[in-house]
Structure formats: C-alpha cells, structure tokens
Amino acid sequence: LESPMETSVIVASTTLPMLKMRIWHYIRKLHSAIGKEYGYVGELLDSTNKIRWEKGDDKHAITGVAVAEGPVDEVIHNHLGIHAKRVLLVLDEMQGVRQAIVDATGNMAINPEFRFIGMGNPESFDDPLGKFSEPLAGWSSLDPESSERWESKGGPPGLGICRRFDGEKSPAIIEQDGEKRYPFYIQRKQIE
C-alpha cells in the first residue's frame, strides 16, 4: 500500500492447494479488511492468486505461486525473474521447495530494494530452509536452548538473518490460561 506502482510481492508455497489453504487465505482476508478510507487498494483476482493495482499490470502486484510443481526453469523464469524497484519474496514451507528455487533468490537481490522471507519448519540441516538458516559460524556455534536470532549463510553476505521461534515458548504454553486464549498455537500436550 505504501508504493504499489513500484512494488512486486511474490508469495510462494509448495503447491497451489497448499498456497490457497495456508498463506493466500490470510492475504485475501487482510485485503478484504482494508478500510475504504485508504481508497482503491487493488483488484483481487482470486482465480489467478493475484492482487493487482492497475488493470493490465501484473508485475506490480501481490502474486501467489506454487514452486514445487512444474519444471524448475519455468517456475524461476515465470515467477522469480521479476524486476521492480521494490521486490518482496515470501517462501512459505521453505523446507519443501526445490533448492534451485532458493538459489534463484540471488538474482532477485539485484533489485534496488529486495526483501526475502523464508519460513517453515526445517526437517534437516540439508533441506533448503536448513541450509539457508545455517549460522555463519556453523550449527555448532548455537546454543539449542537459547539461540533465537543469528546471522545466517543464506542471502547476500551480511544480510541473512534467521529467527527461530521455539514452540515450547508459545504463549499457549507459557501464559496463564494460554491454552484457552490461544487454541490455534502449539499446546503443551503436543510437545510432551
């Protein structure tokens, strides 16, 4: 909303059904909740997972894509080759995407303003999220009980930051009446 005619946002998940169920659902909900006091806030094209600011301009938009389906080259060229003044790429369930997709983010970093958010639950140090999250000094440099933020090897040098959100520190677990107040967060019974 700050600068829509200069901004491209690509929100990616593994498959189209998972994109719609996970992150696109919330984008649609937030878009529809924006008050009229902001004026025109783009056109939702739900059949193509897009919110565009101007008819015919599919570049300056919020676009939802699947990155675990189809040929890798096609996904990279059609969805990750976008160049604009401001580009935001969000990879949901990053542990389940192909490494070539993550590698393509290097090309996107040449945009004047580029931000990348990769999120998920790593299954190993060797999946794309695990590799991208590795601390500069290696995994052995972290305290598994207290490390919540570190500079990572992923991303342009000096710009990759990893944030770890420990499920055992969920408000549903640590706050009084947390399980009742936050039924959608991880619960104590799920980790015991």
C-alpha atoms as a PDB file:
ATOM      1  CA  LEU A   1       0.000   0.000   0.000  1.00  0.00           C
ATOM      2  CA  GLU A   2       2.951   2.323   0.571  1.00  0.00           C
ATOM      3  CA  SER A   3       4.150   2.330  -3.041  1.00  0.00           C
ATOM      4  CA  PRO A   4       2.090  -0.144  -5.083  1.00  0.00           C
ATOM      5  CA  MET A   5       3.159   1.019  -8.548  1.00  0.00           C
ATOM      6  CA  GLU A   6       6.807   0.293  -7.699  1.00  0.00           C
ATOM      7  CA  THR A   7       6.321  -2.951  -5.759  1.00  0.00           C
ATOM      8  CA  SER A   8       6.139  -6.631  -6.689  1.00  0.00           C
ATOM      9  CA  VAL A   9       5.315  -9.171  -3.998  1.00  0.00           C
ATOM     10  CA  ILE A  10       5.646 -12.886  -4.732  1.00  0.00           C
ATOM     11  CA  VAL A  11       4.200 -15.235  -2.137  1.00  0.00           C
ATOM     12  CA  ALA A  12       5.121 -18.852  -2.782  1.00  0.00           C
ATOM     13  CA  SER A  13       4.226 -22.177  -1.268  1.00  0.00           C
ATOM     14  CA  THR A  14       4.723 -25.759  -2.353  1.00  0.00           C
ATOM     15  CA  THR A  15       1.523 -26.465  -4.316  1.00  0.00           C
ATOM     16  CA  LEU A  16      -1.476 -24.360  -5.364  1.00  0.00           C
ATOM     17  CA  PRO A  17      -3.871 -26.135  -2.977  1.00  0.00           C
ATOM     18  CA  MET A  18      -1.416 -25.580  -0.100  1.00  0.00           C
ATOM     19  CA  LEU A  19      -0.851 -21.952  -1.132  1.00  0.00           C
ATOM     20  CA  LYS A  20      -4.613 -21.305  -1.034  1.00  0.00           C
ATOM     21  CA  MET A  21      -5.053 -23.123   2.268  1.00  0.00           C
ATOM     22  CA  ARG A  22      -2.016 -21.691   4.041  1.00  0.00           C
ATOM     23  CA  ILE A  23      -0.898 -18.172   3.198  1.00  0.00           C
ATOM     24  CA  TRP A  24      -3.173 -16.953   0.362  1.00  0.00           C
ATOM     25  CA  HIS A  25      -6.195 -17.398   2.603  1.00  0.00           C
ATOM     26  CA  TYR A  26      -4.778 -14.779   5.001  1.00  0.00           C
ATOM     27  CA  ILE A  27      -3.731 -12.383   2.234  1.00  0.00           C
ATOM     28  CA  ARG A  28      -7.279 -12.416   0.842  1.00  0.00           C
ATOM     29  CA  LYS A  29      -8.713 -11.896   4.315  1.00  0.00           C
ATOM     30  CA  LEU A  30      -6.403  -8.955   5.069  1.00  0.00           C
ATOM     31  CA  HIS A  31      -7.061  -7.385   1.657  1.00  0.00           C
ATOM     32  CA  SER A  32     -10.815  -7.504   2.179  1.00  0.00           C
ATOM     33  CA  ALA A  33     -10.431  -5.979   5.665  1.00  0.00           C
ATOM     34  CA  ILE A  34      -8.681  -2.822   4.449  1.00  0.00           C
ATOM     35  CA  GLY A  35     -10.957   0.117   5.115  1.00  0.00           C
ATOM     36  CA  LYS A  36     -12.356   2.334   2.367  1.00  0.00           C
ATOM     37  CA  GLU A  37     -10.522   5.308   3.910  1.00  0.00           C
ATOM     38  CA  TYR A  38      -7.450   4.086   2.004  1.00  0.00           C
ATOM     39  CA  GLY A  39      -9.266   4.444  -1.308  1.00  0.00           C
ATOM     40  CA  TYR A  40      -8.619   1.921  -4.060  1.00  0.00           C
ATOM     41  CA  VAL A  41      -6.423  -0.901  -2.733  1.00  0.00           C
ATOM     42  CA  GLY A  42      -6.107  -3.093  -5.762  1.00  0.00           C
ATOM     43  CA  GLU A  43      -8.200  -5.671  -7.523  1.00  0.00           C
ATOM     44  CA  LEU A  44      -8.347  -9.212  -6.137  1.00  0.00           C
ATOM     45  CA  LEU A  45      -8.109 -11.775  -8.938  1.00  0.00           C
ATOM     46  CA  ASP A  46      -8.616 -14.853  -6.814  1.00  0.00           C
ATOM     47  CA  SER A  47      -8.660 -17.312  -9.730  1.00  0.00           C
ATOM     48  CA  THR A  48      -5.058 -16.363 -10.524  1.00  0.00           C
ATOM     49  CA  ASN A  49      -3.917 -15.669  -6.934  1.00  0.00           C
ATOM     50  CA  LYS A  50      -3.188 -12.025  -7.620  1.00  0.00           C
ATOM     51  CA  ILE A  51      -3.965  -8.581  -6.261  1.00  0.00           C
ATOM     52  CA  ARG A  52      -3.008  -6.049  -8.883  1.00  0.00           C
ATOM     53  CA  TRP A  53      -3.040  -2.285  -8.577  1.00  0.00           C
ATOM     54  CA  GLU A  54      -3.814  -1.419 -12.180  1.00  0.00           C
ATOM     55  CA  LYS A  55      -5.576  -3.386 -14.937  1.00  0.00           C
ATOM     56  CA  GLY A  56      -3.049  -4.945 -17.282  1.00  0.00           C
ATOM     57  CA  ASP A  57      -0.119  -4.536 -14.872  1.00  0.00           C
ATOM     58  CA  ASP A  58       0.593  -7.989 -13.467  1.00  0.00           C
ATOM     59  CA  LYS A  59       4.122  -7.015 -12.463  1.00  0.00           C
ATOM     60  CA  HIS A  60       3.279  -4.516  -9.702  1.00  0.00           C
ATOM     61  CA  ALA A  61       1.048  -6.831  -7.719  1.00  0.00           C
ATOM     62  CA  ILE A  62       0.858  -9.376  -4.943  1.00  0.00           C
ATOM     63  CA  THR A  63       1.071 -12.759  -6.644  1.00  0.00           C
ATOM     64  CA  GLY A  64       0.707 -16.216  -5.113  1.00  0.00           C
ATOM     65  CA  VAL A  65       2.569 -19.060  -6.842  1.00  0.00           C
ATOM     66  CA  ALA A  66       3.371 -22.738  -6.379  1.00  0.00           C
ATOM     67  CA  VAL A  67       7.070 -23.558  -6.582  1.00  0.00           C
ATOM     68  CA  ALA A  68       7.168 -27.323  -6.074  1.00  0.00           C
ATOM     69  CA  GLU A  69       5.132 -28.029  -9.221  1.00  0.00           C
ATOM     70  CA  GLY A  70       6.202 -27.932 -12.861  1.00  0.00           C
ATOM     71  CA  PRO A  71       9.639 -27.583 -14.413  1.00  0.00           C
ATOM     72  CA  VAL A  72      12.083 -25.665 -12.217  1.00  0.00           C
ATOM     73  CA  ASP A  73      13.233 -23.410 -15.080  1.00  0.00           C
ATOM     74  CA  GLU A  74       9.639 -22.436 -15.842  1.00  0.00           C
ATOM     75  CA  VAL A  75       8.916 -21.575 -12.219  1.00  0.00           C
ATOM     76  CA  ILE A  76      12.095 -19.476 -11.959  1.00  0.00           C
ATOM     77  CA  HIS A  77      11.626 -17.590 -15.239  1.00  0.00           C
ATOM     78  CA  ASN A  78       7.878 -17.025 -14.897  1.00  0.00           C
ATOM     79  CA  HIS A  79       7.682 -16.141 -11.241  1.00  0.00           C
ATOM     80  CA  LEU A  80      11.075 -15.337  -9.740  1.00  0.00           C
ATOM     81  CA  GLY A  81      12.559 -13.305 -12.595  1.00  0.00           C
ATOM     82  CA  ILE A  82      10.532 -10.198 -11.759  1.00  0.00           C
ATOM     83  CA  HIS A  83      12.400  -6.923 -11.501  1.00  0.00           C
ATOM     84  CA  ALA A  84      10.910  -3.794  -9.964  1.00  0.00           C
ATOM     85  CA  LYS A  85      12.065  -1.005  -7.705  1.00  0.00           C
ATOM     86  CA  ARG A  86      10.778  -2.914  -4.669  1.00  0.00           C
ATOM     87  CA  VAL A  87      10.511  -6.701  -4.547  1.00  0.00           C
ATOM     88  CA  LEU A  88       9.421  -8.912  -1.669  1.00  0.00           C
ATOM     89  CA  LEU A  89       9.616 -12.698  -1.950  1.00  0.00           C
ATOM     90  CA  VAL A  90       7.962 -14.861   0.696  1.00  0.00           C
ATOM     91  CA  LEU A  91       8.630 -18.625   0.598  1.00  0.00           C
ATOM     92  CA  ASP A  92       6.193 -20.475   2.831  1.00  0.00           C
ATOM     93  CA  GLU A  93       7.086 -24.043   3.834  1.00  0.00           C
ATOM     94  CA  MET A  94      10.593 -23.399   2.522  1.00  0.00           C
ATOM     95  CA  GLN A  95      11.807 -26.789   3.696  1.00  0.00           C
ATOM     96  CA  GLY A  96       9.620 -28.346   0.969  1.00  0.00           C
ATOM     97  CA  VAL A  97      10.725 -26.276  -2.030  1.00  0.00           C
ATOM     98  CA  ARG A  98      13.411 -27.237  -4.503  1.00  0.00           C
ATOM     99  CA  GLN A  99      16.929 -25.909  -3.896  1.00  0.00           C
ATOM    100  CA  ALA A 100      17.009 -24.303  -7.362  1.00  0.00           C
ATOM    101  CA  ILE A 101      14.140 -22.039  -6.297  1.00  0.00           C
ATOM    102  CA  VAL A 102      16.099 -20.825  -3.273  1.00  0.00           C
ATOM    103  CA  ASP A 103      19.227 -20.363  -5.406  1.00  0.00           C
ATOM    104  CA  ALA A 104      17.247 -18.110  -7.770  1.00  0.00           C
ATOM    105  CA  THR A 105      16.808 -15.556  -4.993  1.00  0.00           C
ATOM    106  CA  GLY A 106      20.376 -14.385  -5.659  1.00  0.00           C
ATOM    107  CA  ASN A 107      19.235 -12.935  -8.996  1.00  0.00           C
ATOM    108  CA  MET A 108      16.351 -11.148  -7.314  1.00  0.00           C
ATOM    109  CA  ALA A 109      18.765  -9.411  -4.920  1.00  0.00           C
ATOM    110  CA  ILE A 110      19.846  -7.073  -7.744  1.00  0.00           C
ATOM    111  CA  ASN A 111      16.543  -5.192  -7.449  1.00  0.00           C
ATOM    112  CA  PRO A 112      17.037  -1.760  -5.805  1.00  0.00           C
ATOM    113  CA  GLU A 113      15.047  -2.895  -2.758  1.00  0.00           C
ATOM    114  CA  PHE A 114      14.805  -6.638  -2.219  1.00  0.00           C
ATOM    115  CA  ARG A 115      13.496  -8.482   0.816  1.00  0.00           C
ATOM    116  CA  PHE A 116      13.204 -12.212   1.235  1.00  0.00           C
ATOM    117  CA  ILE A 117      11.322 -14.080   3.935  1.00  0.00           C
ATOM    118  CA  GLY A 118      11.685 -17.848   4.088  1.00  0.00           C
ATOM    119  CA  MET A 119       9.615 -19.645   6.685  1.00  0.00           C
ATOM    120  CA  GLY A 120       8.755 -23.163   7.684  1.00  0.00           C
ATOM    121  CA  ASN A 121       9.845 -25.979   9.925  1.00  0.00           C
ATOM    122  CA  PRO A 122      13.180 -27.426   8.808  1.00  0.00           C
ATOM    123  CA  GLU A 123      13.251 -31.188   8.639  1.00  0.00           C
ATOM    124  CA  SER A 124      17.046 -31.381   8.448  1.00  0.00           C
ATOM    125  CA  PHE A 125      20.151 -29.233   8.108  1.00  0.00           C
ATOM    126  CA  ASP A 126      20.210 -30.268   4.442  1.00  0.00           C
ATOM    127  CA  ASP A 127      16.767 -29.152   3.273  1.00  0.00           C
ATOM    128  CA  PRO A 128      16.550 -25.658   1.664  1.00  0.00           C
ATOM    129  CA  LEU A 129      15.392 -23.966   4.872  1.00  0.00           C
ATOM    130  CA  GLY A 130      18.050 -25.722   6.952  1.00  0.00           C
ATOM    131  CA  LYS A 131      20.823 -24.738   4.522  1.00  0.00           C
ATOM    132  CA  PHE A 132      19.633 -21.135   4.294  1.00  0.00           C
ATOM    133  CA  SER A 133      19.375 -20.839   8.081  1.00  0.00           C
ATOM    134  CA  GLU A 134      22.849 -22.150   8.898  1.00  0.00           C
ATOM    135  CA  PRO A 135      24.758 -19.695  11.122  1.00  0.00           C
ATOM    136  CA  LEU A 136      27.863 -18.061   9.668  1.00  0.00           C
ATOM    137  CA  ALA A 137      29.948 -19.896  12.256  1.00  0.00           C
ATOM    138  CA  GLY A 138      28.154 -23.239  11.674  1.00  0.00           C
ATOM    139  CA  TRP A 139      25.459 -25.085  13.590  1.00  0.00           C
ATOM    140  CA  SER A 140      27.786 -25.927  16.467  1.00  0.00           C
ATOM    141  CA  SER A 141      28.044 -22.206  17.295  1.00  0.00           C
ATOM    142  CA  LEU A 142      24.435 -22.085  18.556  1.00  0.00           C
ATOM    143  CA  ASP A 143      23.022 -22.925  21.958  1.00  0.00           C
ATOM    144  CA  PRO A 144      19.950 -25.013  21.060  1.00  0.00           C
ATOM    145  CA  GLU A 145      18.154 -23.891  24.221  1.00  0.00           C
ATOM    146  CA  SER A 146      18.570 -20.129  23.897  1.00  0.00           C
ATOM    147  CA  SER A 147      19.549 -19.129  20.351  1.00  0.00           C
ATOM    148  CA  GLU A 148      16.657 -17.239  18.774  1.00  0.00           C
ATOM    149  CA  ARG A 149      18.364 -14.951  16.232  1.00  0.00           C
ATOM    150  CA  TRP A 150      21.588 -15.174  14.246  1.00  0.00           C
ATOM    151  CA  GLU A 151      23.280 -14.088  11.057  1.00  0.00           C
ATOM    152  CA  SER A 152      22.909 -16.855   8.513  1.00  0.00           C
ATOM    153  CA  LYS A 153      24.802 -18.066   5.472  1.00  0.00           C
ATOM    154  CA  GLY A 154      21.662 -17.636   3.374  1.00  0.00           C
ATOM    155  CA  GLY A 155      21.196 -14.421   1.448  1.00  0.00           C
ATOM    156  CA  PRO A 156      23.678 -11.779   0.400  1.00  0.00           C
ATOM    157  CA  PRO A 157      26.689 -11.629   2.770  1.00  0.00           C
ATOM    158  CA  GLY A 158      25.855  -9.806   5.961  1.00  0.00           C
ATOM    159  CA  LEU A 159      22.141  -9.590   5.200  1.00  0.00           C
ATOM    160  CA  GLY A 160      20.793 -13.032   6.087  1.00  0.00           C
ATOM    161  CA  ILE A 161      19.131 -13.174   9.498  1.00  0.00           C
ATOM    162  CA  CYS A 162      17.478 -16.269  10.919  1.00  0.00           C
ATOM    163  CA  ARG A 163      14.787 -16.033  13.584  1.00  0.00           C
ATOM    164  CA  ARG A 164      13.869 -19.172  15.488  1.00  0.00           C
ATOM    165  CA  PHE A 165      10.505 -19.338  17.231  1.00  0.00           C
ATOM    166  CA  ASP A 166      10.592 -22.104  19.828  1.00  0.00           C
ATOM    167  CA  GLY A 167       7.259 -23.925  20.084  1.00  0.00           C
ATOM    168  CA  GLU A 168       7.944 -24.634  23.751  1.00  0.00           C
ATOM    169  CA  LYS A 169       7.875 -20.861  24.369  1.00  0.00           C
ATOM    170  CA  SER A 170       4.455 -20.491  22.744  1.00  0.00           C
ATOM    171  CA  PRO A 171       2.065 -18.121  24.574  1.00  0.00           C
ATOM    172  CA  ALA A 172      -0.317 -21.083  24.793  1.00  0.00           C
ATOM    173  CA  ILE A 173       2.275 -22.836  26.970  1.00  0.00           C
ATOM    174  CA  ILE A 174       3.921 -20.088  28.989  1.00  0.00           C
ATOM    175  CA  GLU A 175       0.982 -17.752  29.715  1.00  0.00           C
ATOM    176  CA  GLN A 176      -1.692 -18.351  32.314  1.00  0.00           C
ATOM    177  CA  ASP A 177      -4.810 -19.742  30.565  1.00  0.00           C
ATOM    178  CA  GLY A 178      -2.731 -19.752  27.367  1.00  0.00           C
ATOM    179  CA  GLU A 179      -4.267 -22.950  26.023  1.00  0.00           C
ATOM    180  CA  LYS A 180      -7.735 -21.390  26.200  1.00  0.00           C
ATOM    181  CA  ARG A 181      -6.657 -17.975  24.896  1.00  0.00           C
ATOM    182  CA  TYR A 182      -4.549 -19.348  22.024  1.00  0.00           C
ATOM    183  CA  PRO A 183      -6.139 -22.639  20.931  1.00  0.00           C
ATOM    184  CA  PHE A 184      -4.545 -22.328  17.473  1.00  0.00           C
ATOM    185  CA  TYR A 185      -0.956 -22.220  18.858  1.00  0.00           C
ATOM    186  CA  ILE A 186       1.108 -25.256  19.756  1.00  0.00           C
ATOM    187  CA  GLN A 187      -0.152 -26.775  23.004  1.00  0.00           C
ATOM    188  CA  ARG A 188       1.778 -28.429  25.831  1.00  0.00           C
ATOM    189  CA  LYS A 189       0.166 -31.803  25.082  1.00  0.00           C
ATOM    190  CA  GLN A 190       1.589 -31.625  21.536  1.00  0.00           C
ATOM    191  CA  ILE A 191       5.192 -31.443  22.726  1.00  0.00           C
ATOM    192  CA  GLU A 192       5.096 -33.788  25.713  1.00  0.00           C
END
